[in-house]
Amino acid sequence: MIYAVLLFAVMGGIYALIYYLNHKTPVPEGCENAKAECTGCRITSCANHPSHDLEEER
């Protein structure tokens, strides 16, 4: 039981560290506004798909 709690704590700590480091990393040059260049494709679940903008405007 104690091993499961320790494992969960270690995994949570690793996740928190990776999350923090990911948000601290600067956006690469040329990728600041990827949504502006997207005209849409068949993958409608993508966050950059223009159909999401239409739903927000309603």
N, C-alpha and C. Protein backbone atom coordinates (compact mmCIF):
# COMPACT_ATOMS: atom_id res chain seq x y z
N MET A 1 0.82 -1.20 0.00
CA MET A 1 0.00 0.00 0.00
C MET A 1 0.86 1.26 0.00
N ILE A 2 1.90 1.28 0.80
CA ILE A 2 2.76 2.45 0.89
C ILE A 2 3.51 2.67 -0.43
N TYR A 3 3.82 1.56 -1.12
CA TYR A 3 4.51 1.67 -2.40
C TYR A 3 3.62 2.33 -3.45
N ALA A 4 2.35 2.03 -3.41
CA ALA A 4 1.41 2.63 -4.35
C ALA A 4 1.30 4.14 -4.11
N VAL A 5 1.26 4.53 -2.87
CA VAL A 5 1.17 5.97 -2.53
C VAL A 5 2.45 6.67 -2.97
N LEU A 6 3.59 6.08 -2.71
CA LEU A 6 4.87 6.68 -3.12
C LEU A 6 4.98 6.77 -4.64
N LEU A 7 4.55 5.72 -5.32
CA LEU A 7 4.60 5.72 -6.78
C LEU A 7 3.70 6.82 -7.33
N PHE A 8 2.50 6.95 -6.78
CA PHE A 8 1.57 7.99 -7.21
C PHE A 8 2.17 9.38 -6.95
N ALA A 9 2.81 9.58 -5.82
CA ALA A 9 3.42 10.86 -5.49
C ALA A 9 4.57 11.19 -6.45
N VAL A 10 5.38 10.19 -6.76
CA VAL A 10 6.51 10.40 -7.68
C VAL A 10 5.98 10.72 -9.08
N MET A 11 4.98 9.99 -9.54
CA MET A 11 4.42 10.25 -10.87
C MET A 11 3.77 11.63 -10.92
N GLY A 12 3.09 12.03 -9.87
CA GLY A 12 2.49 13.36 -9.81
C GLY A 12 3.55 14.45 -9.82
N GLY A 13 4.64 14.23 -9.10
CA GLY A 13 5.74 15.19 -9.09
C GLY A 13 6.40 15.32 -10.45
N ILE A 14 6.61 14.21 -11.13
CA ILE A 14 7.19 14.25 -12.47
C ILE A 14 6.27 14.99 -13.43
N TYR A 15 4.98 14.71 -13.33
CA TYR A 15 4.01 15.39 -14.19
C TYR A 15 4.04 16.90 -13.93
N ALA A 16 4.05 17.30 -12.67
CA ALA A 16 4.06 18.73 -12.33
C ALA A 16 5.33 19.40 -12.84
N LEU A 17 6.47 18.74 -12.72
CA LEU A 17 7.73 19.29 -13.20
C LEU A 17 7.72 19.45 -14.72
N ILE A 18 7.27 18.44 -15.44
CA ILE A 18 7.21 18.52 -16.90
C ILE A 18 6.23 19.59 -17.34
N TYR A 19 5.09 19.70 -16.66
CA TYR A 19 4.10 20.73 -16.97
C TYR A 19 4.70 22.12 -16.79
N TYR A 20 5.40 22.33 -15.68
CA TYR A 20 6.03 23.62 -15.40
C TYR A 20 7.10 23.95 -16.46
N LEU A 21 7.95 23.00 -16.76
CA LEU A 21 9.01 23.24 -17.74
C LEU A 21 8.45 23.47 -19.14
N ASN A 22 7.35 22.82 -19.49
CA ASN A 22 6.74 23.00 -20.80
C ASN A 22 6.19 24.43 -20.94
N HIS A 23 5.55 24.94 -19.91
CA HIS A 23 5.00 26.29 -19.98
C HIS A 23 6.08 27.36 -19.87
N LYS A 24 7.23 27.01 -19.35
CA LYS A 24 8.36 27.95 -19.24
C LYS A 24 9.11 28.06 -20.57
N THR A 25 8.99 27.07 -21.43
CA THR A 25 9.69 27.03 -22.71
C THR A 25 9.07 28.06 -23.66
N PRO A 26 9.91 28.90 -24.30
CA PRO A 26 9.36 29.89 -25.23
C PRO A 26 8.82 29.23 -26.50
N VAL A 27 7.85 29.87 -27.12
CA VAL A 27 7.26 29.39 -28.36
C VAL A 27 8.29 29.59 -29.48
N PRO A 28 8.52 28.59 -30.33
CA PRO A 28 9.49 28.73 -31.41
C PRO A 28 9.10 29.85 -32.38
N GLU A 29 10.08 30.47 -32.97
CA GLU A 29 9.85 31.55 -33.92
C GLU A 29 9.07 31.02 -35.12
N GLY A 30 8.03 31.72 -35.50
CA GLY A 30 7.20 31.32 -36.61
C GLY A 30 5.97 30.51 -36.19
N CYS A 31 5.88 30.15 -34.93
CA CYS A 31 4.75 29.36 -34.44
C CYS A 31 3.88 30.15 -33.47
N GLU A 32 4.07 31.45 -33.42
CA GLU A 32 3.33 32.26 -32.45
C GLU A 32 1.83 32.23 -32.71
N ASN A 33 1.43 32.26 -33.98
CA ASN A 33 0.01 32.29 -34.31
C ASN A 33 -0.27 31.26 -35.39
N ALA A 34 -0.29 30.00 -35.02
CA ALA A 34 -0.52 28.93 -35.99
C ALA A 34 -1.96 28.94 -36.47
N LYS A 35 -2.88 29.46 -35.70
CA LYS A 35 -4.29 29.46 -36.05
C LYS A 35 -4.57 30.36 -37.25
N ALA A 36 -3.81 31.42 -37.42
CA ALA A 36 -4.06 32.36 -38.51
C ALA A 36 -3.83 31.71 -39.87
N GLU A 37 -2.92 30.74 -39.96
CA GLU A 37 -2.59 30.12 -41.24
C GLU A 37 -3.45 28.89 -41.54
N CYS A 38 -4.22 28.44 -40.59
CA CYS A 38 -5.01 27.22 -40.79
C CYS A 38 -6.29 27.54 -41.56
N THR A 39 -6.50 26.81 -42.66
CA THR A 39 -7.72 26.99 -43.44
C THR A 39 -8.68 25.82 -43.23
N GLY A 40 -8.26 24.84 -42.48
CA GLY A 40 -9.13 23.72 -42.17
C GLY A 40 -8.83 22.49 -43.00
N CYS A 41 -9.08 21.35 -42.41
CA CYS A 41 -8.90 20.07 -43.09
C CYS A 41 -9.98 19.13 -42.58
N ARG A 42 -9.82 17.86 -42.79
CA ARG A 42 -10.85 16.90 -42.39
C ARG A 42 -10.80 16.57 -40.90
N ILE A 43 -9.76 17.00 -40.20
CA ILE A 43 -9.64 16.70 -38.78
C ILE A 43 -10.31 17.83 -38.00
N THR A 44 -11.59 17.65 -37.71
CA THR A 44 -12.35 18.71 -37.06
C THR A 44 -12.13 18.75 -35.56
N SER A 45 -11.48 17.75 -34.99
CA SER A 45 -11.22 17.77 -33.56
C SER A 45 -9.98 18.59 -33.21
N CYS A 46 -9.25 19.03 -34.20
CA CYS A 46 -8.05 19.85 -33.99
C CYS A 46 -8.46 21.21 -33.43
N ALA A 47 -7.70 21.72 -32.48
CA ALA A 47 -8.01 23.00 -31.85
C ALA A 47 -7.84 24.17 -32.82
N ASN A 48 -7.08 24.00 -33.89
CA ASN A 48 -6.86 25.08 -34.85
C ASN A 48 -7.91 25.11 -35.96
N HIS A 49 -8.82 24.15 -35.99
CA HIS A 49 -9.81 24.08 -37.07
C HIS A 49 -10.74 25.29 -37.01
N PRO A 50 -10.99 25.94 -38.15
CA PRO A 50 -11.82 27.15 -38.16
C PRO A 50 -13.26 26.94 -37.70
N SER A 51 -13.77 25.72 -37.73
CA SER A 51 -15.15 25.49 -37.29
C SER A 51 -15.34 25.81 -35.81
N HIS A 52 -14.27 25.74 -35.03
CA HIS A 52 -14.36 26.08 -33.61
C HIS A 52 -14.58 27.58 -33.43
N ASP A 53 -14.07 28.40 -34.33
CA ASP A 53 -14.26 29.83 -34.24
C ASP A 53 -15.72 30.18 -34.51
N LEU A 54 -16.36 29.48 -35.43
CA LEU A 54 -17.75 29.74 -35.75
C LEU A 54 -18.66 29.44 -34.56
N GLU A 55 -18.35 28.38 -33.83
CA GLU A 55 -19.16 28.01 -32.69
C GLU A 55 -19.01 29.03 -31.56
N GLU A 56 -17.84 29.64 -31.41
CA GLU A 56 -17.61 30.62 -30.36
C GLU A 56 -18.32 31.94 -30.64
N GLU A 57 -18.51 32.29 -31.91
CA GLU A 57 -19.11 33.56 -32.27
C GLU A 57 -20.62 33.57 -32.06
N ARG A 58 -21.26 32.42 -32.03
CA ARG A 58 -22.72 32.35 -31.91
C ARG A 58 -23.21 32.87 -30.60
